[in-house]
Protein backbone atom coordinates (compact mmCIF):
# COMPACT_ATOMS: atom_id res chain seq x y z
CA MET A 1 -0.13 0.06 -0.04
CA ARG A 2 1.21 3.45 -0.95
CA VAL A 3 1.50 6.06 2.03
CA VAL A 4 1.35 9.50 1.06
CA LEU A 5 2.38 11.98 3.77
CA LEU A 6 1.04 15.47 3.09
CA TRP A 7 2.62 18.49 4.97
CA HIS A 8 0.65 21.62 4.43
CA LEU A 9 2.62 24.92 4.94
CA HIS A 10 0.73 28.30 5.19
CA GLN A 11 0.60 31.65 6.95
CA PRO A 12 -1.84 34.41 5.93
CA ASP A 13 -0.66 37.92 4.57
CA TYR A 14 0.42 39.83 7.50
CA ARG A 15 1.51 42.78 5.44
CA VAL A 16 -0.57 45.97 5.37
CA ASP A 17 0.85 49.08 3.51
CA GLY A 18 4.43 47.51 3.19
CA ARG A 19 4.95 46.66 7.03
CA PHE A 20 4.60 43.14 8.47
CA MET A 21 1.94 43.31 11.25
CA ARG A 22 2.92 39.88 12.76
CA PRO A 23 6.27 37.85 12.67
CA TRP A 24 4.85 34.37 12.47
CA VAL A 25 6.22 33.76 8.80
CA TYR A 26 9.79 34.41 9.77
CA LEU A 27 9.57 32.86 12.78
CA HIS A 28 8.26 29.84 11.42
CA ALA A 29 11.07 29.70 8.88
CA LEU A 30 13.70 29.53 11.69
CA ALA A 31 11.83 26.51 13.20
CA GLY A 32 9.41 24.09 11.02
CA TYR A 33 10.22 25.06 7.31
CA THR A 34 13.92 24.62 8.21
CA GLU A 35 13.64 21.58 10.26
CA MET A 36 10.98 19.66 8.17
CA ALA A 37 13.14 20.10 5.10
CA ALA A 38 16.25 18.89 7.29
CA LYS A 39 14.24 15.76 8.42
CA LEU A 40 13.41 14.85 4.69
CA GLU A 41 16.92 15.44 3.40
CA SER A 42 18.24 13.19 6.10
CA CYS A 43 15.99 10.11 4.91
CA GLU A 44 17.17 9.41 1.30
CA SER A 45 14.40 7.10 0.54
CA MET A 46 11.65 9.00 1.99
CA ARG A 47 8.92 10.39 -0.62
CA ALA A 48 6.30 13.10 0.53
CA VAL A 49 4.09 16.03 -0.65
CA VAL A 50 4.75 19.42 0.80
CA ASN A 51 2.03 21.98 0.17
CA LEU A 52 3.38 25.66 -0.06
CA THR A 53 0.70 28.36 -0.39
CA PRO A 54 1.52 31.18 -2.66
CA VAL A 55 0.95 33.65 0.07
CA LEU A 56 3.44 32.01 2.07
CA LEU A 57 6.13 31.77 -0.55
CA ASP A 58 5.58 35.44 -1.44
CA GLN A 59 6.03 36.67 1.99
CA LEU A 60 9.23 34.53 2.56
CA ASN A 61 10.54 35.69 -0.61
CA ASP A 62 9.57 39.31 0.59
CA TYR A 63 11.66 39.09 3.93
CA SER A 64 14.48 37.57 2.01
CA GLY A 65 14.55 40.49 -0.11
CA ARG A 66 14.17 43.09 2.59
CA LEU A 67 16.76 41.58 4.75
CA ARG A 68 19.27 41.38 1.80
CA GLN A 69 18.59 45.28 1.79
CA TRP A 70 19.47 45.80 5.24
CA LYS A 71 22.78 43.82 4.85
CA GLU A 72 23.71 45.91 1.64
CA ARG A 73 22.33 49.29 2.51
CA GLY A 74 21.30 49.39 6.08
CA LEU A 75 17.57 49.85 5.26
CA PRO A 76 14.66 48.93 7.67
CA ILE A 77 13.03 45.86 7.18
CA GLY A 78 9.54 46.64 8.07
CA ASP A 79 9.03 44.28 10.59
CA ALA A 80 8.53 45.72 14.45
CA LEU A 81 10.87 42.61 15.86
CA LEU A 82 13.41 42.70 13.31
CA ASP A 83 13.74 46.35 13.14
CA SER A 84 14.03 46.47 17.01
CA LEU A 85 17.08 44.12 16.57
CA ILE A 86 18.86 46.83 14.37
CA ASP A 87 18.12 49.15 17.39
CA ALA A 88 15.86 49.33 20.27
CA PRO A 89 12.66 51.62 19.72
CA PRO A 90 12.19 54.45 22.25
CA PRO A 91 10.19 54.01 25.35
CA GLY A 92 6.46 54.18 24.38
CA PRO A 93 3.74 52.06 22.23
CA SER A 94 6.46 50.49 19.80
CA ARG A 95 8.61 49.17 22.58
CA ALA A 96 5.34 48.12 24.57
CA GLU A 97 4.03 46.02 21.41
CA VAL A 98 7.24 44.07 20.85
CA VAL A 99 7.59 43.32 24.37
CA ARG A 100 4.07 41.91 24.51
CA THR A 101 4.97 39.81 21.32
CA CYS A 102 8.14 38.60 23.01
CA LEU A 103 6.01 37.63 26.10
CA ALA A 104 3.67 35.37 23.92
CA ALA A 105 5.79 32.40 24.62
CA LEU A 106 5.97 32.59 28.26
CA ASP A 107 3.40 29.70 28.80
CA GLY A 108 4.30 27.71 25.83
CA PRO A 109 6.82 24.65 25.49
CA ARG A 110 9.56 27.00 23.86
CA ALA A 111 9.73 28.67 27.16
CA LYS A 112 10.14 25.59 29.21
CA ARG A 113 13.15 24.51 27.13
CA GLN A 114 15.10 27.70 27.62
CA PRO A 115 15.36 28.78 31.19
CA ARG A 116 17.19 31.82 30.31
CA TYR A 117 14.45 33.12 28.24
CA LEU A 118 11.97 32.21 31.05
CA ALA A 119 13.77 34.28 33.58
CA LEU A 120 13.77 37.10 31.41
CA ALA A 121 10.16 37.03 30.42
CA GLU A 122 8.90 36.47 33.97
CA SER A 123 11.03 39.57 34.96
CA ALA A 124 9.72 41.70 32.00
CA SER A 125 6.07 40.81 32.71
CA ARG A 126 6.60 42.43 35.86
CA HIS A 127 7.59 45.83 34.46
CA GLU A 128 5.65 48.38 32.21
CA PRO A 129 6.30 47.03 28.88
CA ALA A 130 6.69 50.67 27.12
CA THR A 131 9.41 51.58 29.47
CA LEU A 132 11.37 48.17 29.96
CA PRO A 133 14.82 49.31 30.30
CA VAL A 134 16.74 49.11 27.07
CA GLN A 135 19.40 46.24 28.07
CA ALA A 136 16.50 44.00 29.45
CA PHE A 137 14.44 44.74 26.19
CA ASN A 138 17.34 43.76 24.02
CA ASP A 139 18.01 40.60 26.13
CA LEU A 140 14.63 39.73 25.97
CA LEU A 141 14.33 40.18 22.20
CA VAL A 142 17.40 38.02 21.45
CA TRP A 143 16.41 35.29 23.65
CA PHE A 144 12.70 35.29 22.04
CA HIS A 145 14.46 34.63 18.67
CA LEU A 146 16.87 32.03 20.26
CA CYS A 147 13.73 30.03 21.56
CA TRP A 148 12.50 29.78 17.72
CA LEU A 149 15.73 28.31 16.54
CA GLY A 150 15.34 24.85 15.27
CA GLU A 151 17.63 22.03 15.98
CA THR A 152 19.53 22.67 12.63
CA LEU A 153 20.54 26.09 13.40
CA ARG A 154 20.95 25.82 17.29
CA THR A 155 23.72 22.78 16.75
CA SER A 156 25.05 23.97 13.33
CA ASP A 157 25.52 27.56 13.03
CA SER A 158 28.47 28.74 15.09
CA ARG A 159 26.56 32.28 15.15
CA ALA A 160 23.83 30.57 17.16
CA LYS A 161 26.17 28.80 19.51
CA MET A 162 27.75 32.00 20.25
CA LEU A 163 24.52 33.74 21.10
CA PHE A 164 23.47 31.13 23.15
CA GLU A 165 26.90 31.25 25.15
CA ARG A 166 26.99 34.75 25.69
CA LYS A 167 23.53 34.59 27.89
CA ALA A 168 23.29 38.17 28.35
CA ARG A 169 23.92 41.80 27.48
CA TYR A 170 23.67 41.48 23.87
CA ASP A 171 25.12 44.67 22.23
CA ARG A 172 24.37 46.05 18.67
CA LYS A 173 26.98 43.76 17.06
CA ALA A 174 25.39 40.57 18.84
CA ARG A 175 22.16 41.61 17.65
CA HIS A 176 23.19 42.25 14.12
CA THR A 177 24.98 38.77 14.25
CA LEU A 178 21.28 37.23 14.96
CA LEU A 179 19.81 39.44 12.09
CA GLU A 180 22.28 38.28 9.63
CA LEU A 181 21.68 34.50 11.14
CA ILE A 182 17.99 35.07 10.24
CA ALA A 183 18.42 36.38 6.91
CA ASP A 184 20.75 33.57 5.71
CA ALA A 185 18.00 31.14 7.31
CA ILE A 186 15.19 32.61 5.65
CA ALA A 187 17.05 33.06 2.23
CA ARG A 188 17.89 29.12 2.14
CA VAL A 189 14.08 27.97 2.83
CA ILE A 190 12.53 28.26 -0.82
CA PRO A 191 15.88 26.88 -2.46
CA ARG A 192 16.14 24.17 0.03
CA TRP A 193 12.36 23.00 -0.85
CA ARG A 194 13.24 23.67 -4.64
CA ALA A 195 16.23 21.44 -4.36
CA LEU A 196 14.34 18.59 -2.77
CA ALA A 197 11.63 18.66 -5.46
CA GLU A 198 14.24 19.03 -8.17
CA SER A 199 16.04 15.84 -6.97
CA ASP A 200 12.36 14.01 -7.17
CA ARG A 201 12.58 13.58 -3.30
CA ILE A 202 9.22 15.56 -2.57
CA GLU A 203 6.24 16.55 -4.70
CA LEU A 204 5.46 20.33 -4.32
CA SER A 205 1.78 21.09 -4.41
CA THR A 206 -0.13 24.54 -3.89
CA SER A 207 -3.21 26.18 -2.97
CA PRO A 208 -5.07 29.36 -4.43
CA PHE A 209 -2.88 32.40 -3.73
CA TYR A 210 -4.39 34.01 -0.63
CA HIS A 211 -5.93 30.59 0.83
CA PRO A 212 -9.56 31.53 0.27
CA LEU A 213 -12.47 29.27 1.07
CA CYS A 214 -13.34 28.42 -2.28
CA PRO A 215 -17.00 26.80 -1.80
CA LEU A 216 -18.10 29.90 -0.20
CA LEU A 217 -16.53 32.28 -2.51
CA LEU A 218 -18.87 30.42 -5.29
CA ASP A 219 -21.66 29.86 -3.09
CA PHE A 220 -22.47 30.40 0.50
CA GLY A 221 -25.25 27.86 0.14
CA SER A 222 -22.70 24.91 -0.01
CA ALA A 223 -22.41 25.41 3.97
CA LEU A 224 -26.19 24.08 3.87
CA ASP A 225 -24.87 20.80 2.66
CA ARG A 226 -24.00 19.71 5.93
CA ALA A 227 -25.61 22.41 8.02
CA PRO A 228 -29.26 22.98 6.49
CA THR A 229 -30.67 25.45 9.24
CA VAL A 230 -27.46 27.61 9.39
CA ALA A 231 -27.87 31.41 9.25
CA LEU A 232 -25.76 32.92 6.17
CA PRO A 233 -24.89 36.25 4.98
CA SER A 234 -27.89 37.58 3.16
CA THR A 235 -26.15 38.22 -0.47
CA PRO A 236 -23.70 36.07 -2.37
CA TYR A 237 -20.05 37.21 -2.56
CA PRO A 238 -20.00 39.33 -5.81
CA ASP A 239 -18.47 37.53 -8.80
CA GLY A 240 -17.08 34.76 -6.79
CA GLU A 241 -16.39 32.33 -9.70
CA GLU A 242 -14.15 34.97 -11.23
CA ARG A 243 -12.46 35.51 -8.07
CA VAL A 244 -11.70 31.69 -7.47
CA ARG A 245 -10.31 31.72 -10.81
CA TRP A 246 -7.99 34.72 -10.33
CA GLN A 247 -6.96 33.39 -6.87
CA ILE A 248 -5.86 29.65 -8.69
CA HIS A 249 -4.19 31.45 -11.71
CA ALA A 250 -2.47 33.89 -9.87
CA GLY A 251 -1.15 31.47 -7.03
CA LEU A 252 -0.03 29.00 -9.97
CA GLU A 253 2.06 31.96 -11.46
CA ARG A 254 3.51 33.04 -8.54
CA PHE A 255 4.38 29.38 -7.30
CA GLU A 256 6.01 28.66 -10.58
CA SER A 257 8.09 32.00 -10.65
CA LEU A 258 9.45 31.07 -7.26
CA LEU A 259 9.98 27.21 -7.52
CA GLY A 260 10.64 26.86 -11.15
CA ARG A 261 7.97 24.34 -11.94
CA ARG A 262 3.97 24.16 -12.24
CA ALA A 263 2.14 22.39 -9.52
CA ALA A 264 0.39 19.37 -10.71
CA GLY A 265 -1.41 19.18 -7.19
CA CYS A 266 -3.82 21.27 -5.36
CA TRP A 267 -4.50 21.07 -1.55
CA PRO A 268 -7.55 23.29 -1.35
CA SER A 269 -7.61 25.64 1.30
CA GLU A 270 -8.71 24.09 4.59
CA ALA A 271 -9.35 20.92 2.51
CA ALA A 272 -12.44 22.76 1.52
CA LEU A 273 -14.07 21.21 -1.47
CA SER A 274 -17.60 21.38 -3.27
CA ASP A 275 -18.52 19.82 -6.68
CA ALA A 276 -17.99 23.19 -8.13
CA ALA A 277 -14.82 23.95 -6.52
CA LEU A 278 -13.54 20.76 -7.81
CA ARG A 279 -14.68 21.47 -11.23
CA GLU A 280 -12.72 24.90 -11.04
CA PHE A 281 -9.49 23.09 -9.94
CA ALA A 282 -9.87 20.43 -13.10
CA ARG A 283 -10.51 23.58 -15.24
CA SER A 284 -7.29 24.94 -13.91
CA GLY A 285 -5.16 21.98 -15.00
CA PHE A 286 -4.46 20.41 -11.70
CA GLU A 287 -3.98 16.75 -12.12
CA TRP A 288 -5.25 15.89 -8.43
CA THR A 289 -6.68 17.47 -5.17
CA ALA A 290 -7.57 16.07 -1.85
CA SER A 291 -9.88 16.61 1.20
CA SER A 292 -10.97 15.22 4.45
CA GLN A 293 -12.33 11.56 5.05
CA SER A 294 -15.41 13.13 6.67
CA VAL A 295 -16.06 14.92 3.40
CA LEU A 296 -16.23 11.70 1.67
CA HIS A 297 -18.18 9.92 4.31
CA ALA A 298 -20.96 12.59 4.24
CA THR A 299 -20.95 12.32 0.29
CA PHE A 300 -21.45 8.43 0.53
CA GLU A 301 -24.27 8.98 3.20
CA HIS A 302 -25.99 11.36 1.11
CA HIS A 303 -25.78 9.20 -2.18
CA GLY A 304 -26.72 5.99 0.03
CA ALA A 305 -23.43 4.33 -1.07
CA ALA A 306 -21.17 2.34 1.01
CA ASP A 307 -17.85 3.95 2.11
CA ARG A 308 -15.56 1.04 2.34
CA GLU A 309 -13.41 2.55 -0.41
CA VAL A 310 -11.98 5.66 1.44
CA TYR A 311 -8.65 4.39 0.99
CA ARG A 312 -8.79 4.67 -2.87
CA LEU A 313 -7.79 7.13 -5.60
CA PHE A 314 -11.14 8.82 -6.83
CA ARG A 315 -11.78 10.45 -10.32
CA HIS A 316 -14.38 12.96 -10.80
CA ARG A 317 -17.11 11.61 -13.21
CA ASP A 318 -17.03 14.60 -15.66
CA ALA A 319 -13.95 16.81 -14.76
CA GLY A 320 -11.55 13.89 -14.85
CA ILE A 321 -9.39 15.34 -12.00
CA CYS A 322 -8.17 12.53 -9.49
CA CYS A 323 -9.09 13.17 -5.65
CA ALA A 324 -7.79 11.31 -2.44
CA PHE A 325 -9.13 11.85 1.05
CA ARG A 326 -6.95 11.98 3.99
CA ASP A 327 -7.11 9.50 6.90
CA ASP A 328 -8.60 11.78 9.44
CA GLY A 329 -7.61 9.41 12.49
CA LEU A 330 -4.15 9.24 11.62
CA SER A 331 -3.79 12.96 10.55
CA ASP A 332 -5.48 14.00 14.02
CA ARG A 333 -3.06 11.45 15.83
CA ILE A 334 0.03 13.19 14.73
CA GLY A 335 -1.45 16.53 15.11
CA PHE A 336 -2.85 16.25 18.44
CA GLU A 337 -2.12 12.88 20.02
CA TYR A 338 1.37 11.87 19.84
CA GLN A 339 2.99 14.96 21.20
CA HIS A 340 2.02 13.31 24.52
CA TRP A 341 3.70 9.97 23.83
CA GLN A 342 7.37 8.74 23.77
CA PRO A 343 8.29 9.12 19.96
CA ALA A 344 9.34 5.34 19.66
CA HIS A 345 5.97 4.41 21.13
CA ALA A 346 4.14 7.06 18.85
CA VAL A 347 6.07 5.58 15.64
CA ARG A 348 5.22 2.00 16.39
CA ASP A 349 1.36 2.73 17.11
CA LEU A 350 1.32 4.72 13.81
CA MET A 351 3.17 1.94 11.98
CA GLN A 352 0.95 -0.79 13.35
CA ARG A 353 -2.14 1.14 12.25
CA LEU A 354 -1.08 1.71 8.86
CA GLU A 355 -0.29 -2.19 8.57
CA ALA A 356 -3.82 -2.65 9.80
CA ILE A 357 -5.25 -0.47 6.96
CA ALA A 358 -2.91 -2.34 4.50
CA ARG A 359 -4.30 -5.80 5.28
CA GLU A 360 -7.69 -4.95 4.50
CA PRO A 361 -9.06 -5.48 0.66
CA ASN A 362 -8.82 -2.60 -1.90
CA ARG A 363 -6.67 -0.32 0.03
CA ASP A 364 -4.65 1.35 -2.82
CA LEU A 365 -3.35 4.50 -0.51
CA ALA A 366 -3.38 5.95 2.77
CA LEU A 367 -3.19 9.85 2.93
CA ILE A 368 -1.97 11.45 5.91
CA ALA A 369 -2.42 15.09 5.59
CA LEU A 370 -1.73 17.83 8.27
CA ASP A 371 -0.31 21.25 9.18
CA GLY A 372 3.49 21.04 8.87
CA GLU A 373 4.32 24.09 11.19
CA ASN A 374 2.80 23.99 14.57
CA PRO A 375 2.75 20.51 16.40
CA TRP A 376 6.22 19.87 16.75
CA GLU A 377 7.01 22.52 19.36
CA TYR A 378 4.60 20.46 21.53
CA TYR A 379 6.75 17.35 20.97
CA PRO A 380 9.43 15.73 22.63
CA ASP A 381 12.64 17.21 21.16
CA GLU A 382 10.25 19.39 18.82
CA GLY A 383 9.31 16.33 16.76
CA GLY A 384 12.69 15.29 15.34
CA PRO A 385 12.63 11.77 16.97
CA PHE A 386 9.37 11.15 15.88
CA LEU A 387 9.57 12.41 12.47
CA GLN A 388 12.99 10.34 11.81
CA GLY A 389 11.50 7.39 13.23
CA PHE A 390 8.51 7.41 11.14
CA TYR A 391 10.32 8.16 7.99
CA GLN A 392 13.12 5.22 8.74
CA ALA A 393 10.15 2.68 9.53
CA LEU A 394 8.14 3.82 6.59
CA CYS A 395 11.04 3.61 4.06
CA SER A 396 12.21 -0.09 5.37
CA HIS A 397 8.83 -1.54 5.69
CA PRO A 398 8.51 -4.50 3.27
CA SER A 399 4.80 -3.67 2.38
CA LEU A 400 4.22 -0.17 2.85
CA GLN A 401 5.69 2.29 0.15
CA PRO A 402 6.22 6.21 0.73
CA ALA A 403 4.69 8.02 -2.22
CA THR A 404 3.63 11.50 -3.86
CA MET A 405 0.34 12.03 -5.10
CA ARG A 406 1.78 12.25 -8.45
CA ASP A 407 3.04 8.85 -7.98
CA CYS A 408 -0.36 7.73 -7.13
CA VAL A 409 -2.17 9.37 -10.01
CA HIS A 410 0.13 7.93 -12.68
CA GLU A 411 0.10 4.54 -11.06
CA LEU A 412 -3.50 4.01 -10.00
CA ALA A 413 -5.65 6.44 -12.26
CA GLY A 414 -6.67 3.57 -14.46
CA GLY A 415 -8.32 1.78 -11.42
CA ALA A 416 -9.46 4.86 -9.74
CA ALA A 417 -13.11 4.58 -8.41
CA PRO A 418 -15.92 7.07 -9.79
CA LEU A 419 -16.23 9.99 -7.46
CA PRO A 420 -20.11 10.92 -6.66
CA ALA A 421 -20.91 14.74 -6.59
CA LEU A 422 -19.53 15.85 -3.55
CA ARG A 423 -21.08 17.36 -0.32
CA ALA A 424 -19.39 20.55 0.45
CA GLY A 425 -17.06 20.26 3.57
CA SER A 426 -13.61 20.98 5.12
CA TRP A 427 -11.25 19.08 7.39
CA VAL A 428 -13.08 20.41 10.28
CA HIS A 429 -15.99 17.67 10.93
CA GLY A 430 -16.34 17.84 7.33
CA GLU A 431 -18.43 21.10 7.48
CA LEU A 432 -17.91 24.66 6.69
CA LEU A 433 -19.11 26.42 9.83
CA THR A 434 -15.57 27.28 11.12
CA TRP A 435 -15.86 29.86 8.44
CA VAL A 436 -19.45 31.06 8.11
CA GLY A 437 -22.80 30.85 10.08
CA HIS A 438 -21.61 32.44 13.30
CA ALA A 439 -22.78 35.97 13.59
CA GLU A 440 -19.29 37.25 13.93
CA LYS A 441 -18.27 35.17 10.93
CA ASN A 442 -21.27 36.63 8.96
CA ARG A 443 -20.48 39.94 9.83
CA ALA A 444 -16.77 39.45 8.37
CA TRP A 445 -18.24 38.40 5.19
CA GLU A 446 -20.54 41.01 5.17
CA MET A 447 -17.71 43.70 5.63
CA LEU A 448 -15.90 42.04 2.62
CA ILE A 449 -19.01 41.95 0.38
CA GLU A 450 -19.63 45.65 0.77
CA LEU A 451 -15.80 46.46 -0.10
CA LYS A 452 -15.91 44.16 -3.08
CA ARG A 453 -19.25 45.91 -4.24
CA ARG A 454 -17.25 49.39 -3.87
CA TYR A 455 -14.12 47.81 -5.59
CA ASP A 456 -16.46 46.66 -8.59
CA ALA A 457 -17.99 49.98 -8.83
CA CYS A 458 -14.60 51.75 -9.24
CA ALA A 459 -13.83 49.36 -12.10
CA ARG A 460 -10.23 49.08 -11.43
CA THR A 461 -8.38 45.85 -11.89
CA ASP A 462 -4.47 46.77 -11.84
CA PRO A 463 -2.42 44.09 -10.42
CA GLU A 464 -1.95 45.64 -6.99
CA LEU A 465 -5.48 46.12 -6.38
CA GLN A 466 -6.33 42.42 -7.23
CA HIS A 467 -3.51 41.35 -4.75
CA ARG A 468 -4.92 43.64 -2.07
CA LEU A 469 -8.55 42.20 -2.53
CA GLY A 470 -7.02 38.71 -2.56
CA ALA A 471 -5.51 39.23 0.81
CA CYS A 472 -9.04 40.21 2.03
CA GLU A 473 -10.35 36.89 0.79
CA GLY A 474 -8.09 34.52 2.98
CA SER A 475 -9.83 31.78 4.98
CA ASP A 476 -7.96 32.69 8.39
CA TRP A 477 -9.99 36.15 8.86
CA PHE A 478 -13.05 33.76 9.15
CA TRP A 479 -11.69 31.26 11.34
CA TRP A 480 -11.01 33.34 14.20
CA PRO A 481 -14.19 35.42 14.92
CA GLY A 482 -16.46 33.40 17.47
CA VAL A 483 -16.10 32.27 20.92
CA HIS A 484 -14.21 29.12 20.48
CA ASN A 485 -10.64 30.86 20.01
CA PRO A 486 -8.51 32.52 22.47
CA LYS A 487 -9.06 36.04 22.90
CA VAL A 488 -5.75 37.50 22.30
CA ALA A 489 -5.62 35.72 18.94
CA VAL A 490 -8.96 36.88 17.91
CA ALA A 491 -8.21 40.35 18.82
CA GLN A 492 -4.97 40.34 16.64
CA PHE A 493 -6.59 38.79 13.57
CA ASP A 494 -9.76 40.98 13.95
CA GLU A 495 -7.51 43.91 13.80
CA LEU A 496 -5.35 42.47 10.78
CA PHE A 497 -8.49 41.77 8.70
CA ARG A 498 -9.85 45.22 9.39
CA ALA A 499 -6.54 46.74 8.34
CA HIS A 500 -6.65 44.94 5.14
CA LEU A 501 -10.09 46.29 4.31
CA SER A 502 -9.21 49.62 5.24
CA ALA A 503 -6.00 49.73 3.10
CA LEU A 504 -8.16 48.64 0.12
CA TYR A 505 -10.65 51.30 0.39
CA LEU A 506 -7.81 53.91 0.61
CA ALA A 507 -5.98 52.32 -2.31
CA LEU A 508 -9.32 52.78 -4.03
CA GLY A 509 -9.61 56.38 -3.16
CA LEU A 510 -12.51 55.94 -0.72
CA GLN A 511 -12.90 56.68 2.77
CA PRO A 512 -13.07 53.37 5.10
CA PRO A 513 -16.48 52.98 6.65
CA ALA A 514 -16.36 54.04 10.36
CA ALA A 515 -17.03 50.48 11.51
CA LEU A 516 -13.66 49.36 10.38
CA GLY A 517 -12.37 51.25 13.23
CA GLN A 518 -13.82 49.24 15.67
CA PRO A 519 -13.37 45.34 16.82
CA PHE A 520 -16.26 43.12 15.97
CA ALA A 521 -14.82 39.72 16.99
CA THR A 522 -14.81 38.19 20.68
CA GLY A 523 -13.03 34.98 21.92
CA VAL A 524 -12.55 33.20 25.13
CA GLY A 525 -10.44 34.49 27.85
CA HIS A 526 -8.05 31.84 27.91
CA GLU A 527 -5.67 30.25 25.49
CA VAL A 528 -6.92 27.14 23.77
CA VAL A 529 -4.60 24.11 23.75
CA ALA A 530 -2.54 24.16 20.59
CA GLY A 531 -0.65 21.95 18.36
CA GLY A 532 -3.30 20.41 16.03
CA THR A 533 -3.77 19.48 12.36
CA MET A 534 -4.52 22.92 10.82
CA GLN A 535 -3.47 25.63 13.45
CA ARG A 536 -3.96 29.09 12.65
CA GLY A 537 -1.03 31.73 12.01
CA SER A 538 0.84 31.68 15.18
């Protein structure tokens, strides 16, 4: 049986008017994006799919260029934390915001691994952030970044070793050494993944540019497939079909320009598919796409068919595109459960489950697909022993074969099962309610719909405005509103969404509505346990 492992790497667009509002893209480059490539490089027989969203690639490329300009010409970077490494901001709101960001890891596993950071953060948390003394500020900022360095950078980069050994009193030279380390690490991320693909070690797939929820852009009514009584926005998204096509084609062009190849496969944003979205992916030339097992179960149930063929490759009855459905149980065990296990025990359990699947009849492939960024910090040793153990066990197994989706399409498409008309859904319980249906989520859509009407009335379609609108259409802005997400994160993404909308109004020469100056989303008053399958930005 072929085992396809798909890692999905994504961050929303944090740039508003030329500044990065949050640092998560480059911080994840220092950890997951670097470490996951290193683990695949270390196992020559391993094959996998890595899904890189165009909006993530675009931001990584942007960071790389800005850091190069800082190194060559001393220009500011346009990111509050990185610019603070150049020179600490004076006492005031800018210093306070950086301190609050650096304290965000205080209760997380990164802090527990670095006692020096923990001591600095606990001390800073008892001080007024806006007036934290400059040396305490610099030390906290450096240690926050040292917490984010993955194993490869910590153990192989002499600059990192020097910074760890110094422990305190980081001066301008030390901070600039850290910035140079960060610049070099980010510059290597895209070439590293590209090299793995060129050597046929991995398949690179992609998603629509800004990670929009395609079924909802096409038709809000798709949410009714699984929740027939849910309240929806009162009007459809204007010209949603045209916007989905722009997101797909602009994303394909950006992907190809940065990675030197056209993607054959598409992991749809949030694994959200509908029959209409599937046809758009096929029309755009994708050979394959994928979704969640729960979507297939709901589809079979609706059509009164048995769902015994989940571990099969399917082909759309008209469009011809191939489709696979991830094993939700195995994917969620990696995303949520195995972080609590000893790595060897987790690997053994996962392999036994795959062996049990392989013994059943008509099992062509098992797809494991999940977020490739966030689970690992919750694992022992940041997931390294688990990943290395799993890769080695899979590659040496006599009857389980690591494969890419492209392999499966080429080898199995002739016997692919016919795919019934899909019931629209996503990776979250096979539904779309994580992005629509709640009053605050619907309010977010209504604000975007009003902006789209004004955009259309201006009849301006230059590329910059297209991309500004595309950034407003990302799925992340609709994930966070509602009562089930942590209050701080909800507030940050509420602010980012409104900032994107306001920036587009201004770019159109229009005054943003007064409502965009006020928060509209709420969250719970405590942090939700993280680690999961498709975690959001931070």
